[in-house]
Amino acid sequence: MDLRNQVIGLIRFSFATIGNFYPGFDTIEDMEAFLFAPDRLERRFRLFEVYCLPSLAQQTDPDFTCILLVGANMPAEWKERLRALCADVPAIRITEAEPQHHYAGIRAAFAEIPTEGFTHRTTFRFDDDDALDNGFIARLKEVAPRAAALGGIDNPTAIAHNLGFYLERRDDKTLVYPTCERTPISVGAALIAPVSWRDNIYKVDHRQLPQFFNAWSDTQHYAYVRTIHQDNKANPHRTGEKLQLPNKEIDAILRENFGRKLGAFKHID
């Protein structure tokens, strides 16, 4: 089969939902007041500018799409700021969505992208405060069809990138350390499937991907930087091993894979 693969990612950027995805709010208005609070948005934009945006702009293969799913009721000045930041990154597509169920909104955003000319679509996920390595898209395009062929190209196949870095603020210090996860981390988790399959990588929790799909894990390439800070929605935790590397080696890996030295990743404030 002549497999023609379309690669599309999705990042949620202060997307308000109904249901229990964001628990603890009595009304949508309460949730949006939290999501769109100026001090919170200022922190989110700072993290986006330092980690997420450069990792999209610096991909060695720029032929992909990444959806930024934005709450439609985000104040106009913040939307304008986001559009200005993303203007020079052709891969980014900003999609606004009214409050709705979490997965329904994600599914609709993916469905807006035409599939003509493709037999398969690889969807991937990560968050606005994390980073992917600069070769992520090129490597995903190479690996995804090969992984799918192992279990039959008509079946959805998951891909995890388990080796990367955690960046954590602790006792007024920013720690950057390598880790290899035991179960799929959210950053860069991907799913290849025929275009007729209408779901995507957000269909199940990333940690549970091997329970529902054939899965392939990359433990050789440092693929991500995962940030831990006061605004994490989930309770971040490692499922794997924290690796012991000297700062000199960490710095060399970050320079080679992410195009920046260790010090540049420590600006979490």
Protein backbone atom coordinates (compact mmCIF):
# COMPACT_ATOMS: atom_id res chain seq x y z
CA MET A 1 0.00 0.00 0.00
CA ASP A 2 1.18 3.51 -0.84
CA LEU A 3 0.82 5.03 2.63
CA ARG A 4 0.50 8.83 2.53
CA ASN A 5 0.69 10.19 6.05
CA GLN A 6 -0.67 13.52 7.33
CA VAL A 7 0.83 14.80 10.62
CA ILE A 8 -1.32 17.04 12.84
CA GLY A 9 -0.80 18.02 16.48
CA LEU A 10 -3.14 19.73 18.92
CA ILE A 11 -2.41 21.93 21.92
CA ARG A 12 -5.14 23.10 24.27
CA PHE A 13 -4.66 26.78 25.10
CA SER A 14 -7.11 27.87 27.82
CA PHE A 15 -9.99 25.97 26.23
CA ALA A 16 -13.05 26.03 28.51
CA THR A 17 -15.00 22.79 28.80
CA ILE A 18 -18.22 21.48 30.23
CA GLY A 19 -18.36 18.20 32.11
CA ASN A 20 -15.69 17.07 34.56
CA PHE A 21 -12.45 17.77 32.67
CA TYR A 22 -11.88 20.86 34.82
CA PRO A 23 -13.52 19.91 38.13
CA GLY A 24 -14.27 22.38 40.90
CA PHE A 25 -16.20 25.06 39.00
CA ASP A 26 -19.94 25.65 39.47
CA THR A 27 -20.42 27.40 36.14
CA ILE A 28 -18.66 27.94 32.82
CA GLU A 29 -18.34 31.59 33.79
CA ASP A 30 -16.39 30.61 36.90
CA MET A 31 -14.09 28.40 34.84
CA GLU A 32 -13.46 31.11 32.27
CA ALA A 33 -12.76 33.64 35.01
CA PHE A 34 -10.03 31.27 36.19
CA LEU A 35 -8.67 30.43 32.73
CA PHE A 36 -8.61 34.02 31.52
CA ALA A 37 -7.33 35.70 34.69
CA PRO A 38 -4.59 38.11 33.53
CA ASP A 39 -1.93 36.83 35.94
CA ARG A 40 -2.55 33.21 34.88
CA LEU A 41 -2.54 34.07 31.17
CA GLU A 42 0.67 36.04 31.61
CA ARG A 43 2.32 32.95 33.07
CA ARG A 44 0.91 30.71 30.33
CA PHE A 45 2.14 33.01 27.59
CA ARG A 46 5.58 33.17 29.17
CA LEU A 47 5.84 29.38 29.24
CA PHE A 48 4.48 29.14 25.69
CA GLU A 49 7.04 31.62 24.41
CA VAL A 50 10.00 30.00 26.17
CA TYR A 51 9.23 26.30 25.60
CA CYS A 52 6.39 25.41 23.25
CA LEU A 53 6.59 27.98 20.47
CA PRO A 54 10.33 27.63 19.72
CA SER A 55 9.97 23.85 19.53
CA LEU A 56 7.34 24.26 16.79
CA ALA A 57 9.22 26.98 14.93
CA GLN A 58 12.52 25.07 14.90
CA GLN A 59 11.33 21.73 13.52
CA THR A 60 13.73 20.41 10.89
CA ASP A 61 10.69 19.24 8.91
CA PRO A 62 8.18 22.13 8.79
CA ASP A 63 5.57 20.20 6.79
CA PHE A 64 2.97 19.57 9.50
CA THR A 65 0.02 21.27 11.18
CA CYS A 66 -0.37 22.07 14.87
CA ILE A 67 -3.75 23.25 16.10
CA LEU A 68 -3.91 25.69 19.01
CA LEU A 69 -7.37 25.10 20.45
CA VAL A 70 -8.30 28.38 22.14
CA GLY A 71 -11.35 29.28 24.19
CA ALA A 72 -13.58 31.49 22.05
CA ASN A 73 -14.28 33.81 24.98
CA MET A 74 -10.62 34.57 25.68
CA PRO A 75 -10.34 38.38 25.80
CA ALA A 76 -9.48 39.92 22.45
CA GLU A 77 -6.16 41.40 23.51
CA TRP A 78 -4.84 37.97 24.47
CA LYS A 79 -6.05 36.44 21.21
CA GLU A 80 -4.28 39.19 19.29
CA ARG A 81 -1.11 38.58 21.26
CA LEU A 82 -1.28 34.88 20.47
CA ARG A 83 -1.84 35.49 16.75
CA ALA A 84 1.10 37.88 16.65
CA LEU A 85 3.38 35.36 18.36
CA CYS A 86 2.40 32.60 15.92
CA ALA A 87 2.34 34.68 12.74
CA ASP A 88 5.78 33.53 11.59
CA VAL A 89 5.15 29.81 12.20
CA PRO A 90 3.13 28.51 9.21
CA ALA A 91 2.51 25.14 10.88
CA ILE A 92 0.36 26.69 13.61
CA ARG A 93 -3.40 26.92 13.08
CA ILE A 94 -5.37 28.80 15.76
CA THR A 95 -8.88 27.39 16.22
CA GLU A 96 -11.42 28.99 18.55
CA ALA A 97 -14.04 26.85 20.28
CA GLU A 98 -17.04 27.67 22.43
CA PRO A 99 -17.30 25.85 25.80
CA GLN A 100 -18.20 22.21 25.19
CA HIS A 101 -17.24 18.72 26.22
CA HIS A 102 -13.48 18.31 26.16
CA TYR A 103 -13.12 15.51 23.62
CA ALA A 104 -15.94 16.78 21.41
CA GLY A 105 -14.12 20.08 20.96
CA ILE A 106 -10.83 18.35 20.18
CA ARG A 107 -12.48 15.96 17.72
CA ALA A 108 -14.19 18.86 15.93
CA ALA A 109 -10.92 20.79 15.66
CA PHE A 110 -9.15 17.84 14.03
CA ALA A 111 -12.13 17.30 11.72
CA GLU A 112 -11.71 20.80 10.27
CA ILE A 113 -8.43 19.78 8.61
CA PRO A 114 -9.04 18.22 5.15
CA THR A 115 -7.64 14.73 4.52
CA GLU A 116 -7.71 14.70 0.72
CA GLY A 117 -4.61 13.08 -0.73
CA PHE A 118 -3.77 11.15 2.44
CA THR A 119 -4.40 7.54 3.39
CA HIS A 120 -3.38 7.94 7.05
CA ARG A 121 -3.26 10.63 9.68
CA THR A 122 -0.85 10.79 12.61
CA THR A 123 -2.17 12.96 15.44
CA PHE A 124 0.05 14.04 18.31
CA ARG A 125 -0.42 15.95 21.52
CA PHE A 126 1.48 18.15 23.89
CA ASP A 127 0.82 21.16 26.07
CA ASP A 128 1.51 24.87 25.75
CA ASP A 129 4.12 24.75 28.54
CA ASP A 130 6.25 21.89 27.17
CA ALA A 131 8.79 21.47 24.36
CA LEU A 132 9.48 18.89 21.67
CA ASP A 133 12.93 18.28 20.22
CA ASN A 134 13.70 19.88 16.87
CA GLY A 135 13.72 16.58 15.00
CA PHE A 136 10.40 15.37 16.39
CA ILE A 137 8.29 15.75 13.24
CA ALA A 138 10.91 14.25 10.93
CA ARG A 139 11.36 11.27 13.24
CA LEU A 140 7.59 10.82 13.69
CA LYS A 141 7.11 10.70 9.93
CA GLU A 142 9.74 8.00 9.68
CA VAL A 143 8.63 5.91 12.66
CA ALA A 144 4.82 6.07 12.48
CA PRO A 145 4.28 4.10 9.24
CA ARG A 146 6.87 1.50 10.28
CA ALA A 147 5.23 1.05 13.69
CA ALA A 148 1.79 0.77 12.11
CA ALA A 149 2.98 -1.90 9.68
CA LEU A 150 3.93 -4.18 12.56
CA GLY A 151 0.31 -4.60 13.65
CA GLY A 152 -1.43 -3.94 10.34
CA ILE A 153 -1.74 -0.52 8.76
CA ASP A 154 -5.54 -0.60 9.01
CA ASN A 155 -5.33 -0.53 12.82
CA PRO A 156 -4.58 2.54 14.98
CA THR A 157 -1.07 2.38 16.45
CA ALA A 158 0.23 4.51 19.34
CA ILE A 159 3.72 5.97 19.58
CA ALA A 160 5.30 7.15 22.83
CA HIS A 161 8.45 9.18 23.35
CA ASN A 162 9.58 8.08 26.78
CA LEU A 163 13.04 9.65 27.01
CA GLY A 164 13.27 13.34 27.81
CA PHE A 165 13.68 15.94 30.52
CA TYR A 166 11.63 17.21 33.42
CA LEU A 167 12.03 20.85 34.38
CA GLU A 168 10.93 21.50 37.93
CA ARG A 169 10.87 24.52 40.23
CA ARG A 170 11.91 23.54 43.76
CA ASP A 171 13.06 25.68 46.70
CA ASP A 172 13.62 28.69 44.42
CA LYS A 173 15.80 26.59 42.13
CA THR A 174 14.98 25.30 38.67
CA LEU A 175 16.03 21.69 38.19
CA VAL A 176 16.40 20.07 34.78
CA TYR A 177 16.92 16.32 34.83
CA PRO A 178 16.59 13.44 32.36
CA THR A 179 14.05 10.68 32.79
CA CYS A 180 12.86 7.62 30.90
CA GLU A 181 9.18 6.97 31.51
CA ARG A 182 7.68 3.52 32.00
CA THR A 183 4.31 4.49 30.50
CA PRO A 184 3.58 7.01 27.71
CA ILE A 185 4.03 10.64 28.70
CA SER A 186 1.65 13.22 27.22
CA VAL A 187 4.37 15.23 25.50
CA GLY A 188 4.58 14.03 21.90
CA ALA A 189 2.31 11.01 22.33
CA ALA A 190 1.01 10.13 18.87
CA LEU A 191 -1.41 7.84 17.08
CA ILE A 192 -1.35 6.81 13.42
CA ALA A 193 -4.57 5.52 11.85
CA PRO A 194 -6.36 5.42 8.49
CA VAL A 195 -8.07 8.72 7.68
CA SER A 196 -11.42 6.92 7.87
CA TRP A 197 -10.85 6.48 11.64
CA ARG A 198 -12.46 9.60 13.10
CA ASP A 199 -10.79 9.63 16.51
CA ASN A 200 -7.34 10.89 17.53
CA ILE A 201 -4.58 10.77 20.14
CA TYR A 202 -6.84 12.33 22.80
CA LYS A 203 -9.26 9.40 22.57
CA VAL A 204 -7.81 7.81 25.74
CA ASP A 205 -5.54 8.98 28.54
CA HIS A 206 -1.94 8.94 27.31
CA ARG A 207 -0.82 6.64 30.13
CA GLN A 208 -3.37 4.05 28.97
CA LEU A 209 -2.46 3.99 25.27
CA PRO A 210 -0.85 0.49 25.39
CA GLN A 211 -4.04 -0.84 26.98
CA PHE A 212 -6.16 0.06 23.95
CA PHE A 213 -3.77 0.16 20.98
CA ASN A 214 -0.70 -1.52 19.63
CA ALA A 215 2.07 0.74 20.92
CA TRP A 216 5.69 1.51 20.12
CA SER A 217 7.97 3.33 22.59
CA ASP A 218 11.08 5.33 21.73
CA THR A 219 13.62 5.16 24.56
CA GLN A 220 16.62 6.34 22.51
CA HIS A 221 15.90 9.94 21.53
CA TYR A 222 15.59 12.82 24.01
CA ALA A 223 12.26 14.03 22.67
CA TYR A 224 10.72 16.41 25.22
CA VAL A 225 11.04 18.89 28.05
CA ARG A 226 8.13 18.61 30.52
CA THR A 227 7.68 21.61 32.83
CA ILE A 228 6.41 21.35 36.40
CA HIS A 229 5.00 24.54 37.91
CA GLN A 230 2.11 26.03 39.88
CA ASP A 231 -0.39 25.94 37.00
CA ASN A 232 -0.18 22.27 36.03
CA LYS A 233 -3.73 20.97 35.75
CA ALA A 234 -2.83 17.37 36.57
CA ASN A 235 -0.61 16.19 39.39
CA PRO A 236 2.61 15.62 37.43
CA HIS A 237 4.52 12.49 38.31
CA ARG A 238 7.11 10.26 36.76
CA THR A 239 6.30 6.62 36.12
CA GLY A 240 9.87 5.74 35.21
CA GLU A 241 13.45 6.30 36.18
CA LYS A 242 15.24 9.56 36.88
CA LEU A 243 18.56 9.33 35.08
CA GLN A 244 21.83 10.60 36.50
CA LEU A 245 23.74 12.78 34.05
CA PRO A 246 26.21 15.60 34.74
CA ASN A 247 25.09 19.11 33.79
CA LYS A 248 27.73 19.22 31.07
CA GLU A 249 26.14 16.24 29.33
CA ILE A 250 22.61 17.60 29.85
CA ASP A 251 23.72 20.89 28.32
CA ALA A 252 25.17 19.09 25.28
CA ILE A 253 21.95 17.12 24.71
CA LEU A 254 19.77 20.21 25.02
CA ARG A 255 21.97 22.09 22.55
CA GLU A 256 21.91 19.25 20.03
CA ASN A 257 18.23 18.26 20.33
CA PHE A 258 16.55 21.55 21.24
CA GLY A 259 18.99 24.16 19.96
CA ARG A 260 19.41 25.82 23.34
CA LYS A 261 21.78 25.48 26.25
CA LEU A 262 20.76 24.41 29.74
CA GLY A 263 20.56 27.97 31.09
CA ALA A 264 18.00 28.98 28.45
CA PHE A 265 15.58 26.33 29.74
CA LYS A 266 15.68 27.55 33.32
CA HIS A 267 13.69 30.75 32.74
CA ILE A 268 10.47 29.38 34.17
CA ASP A 269 9.31 32.57 35.88
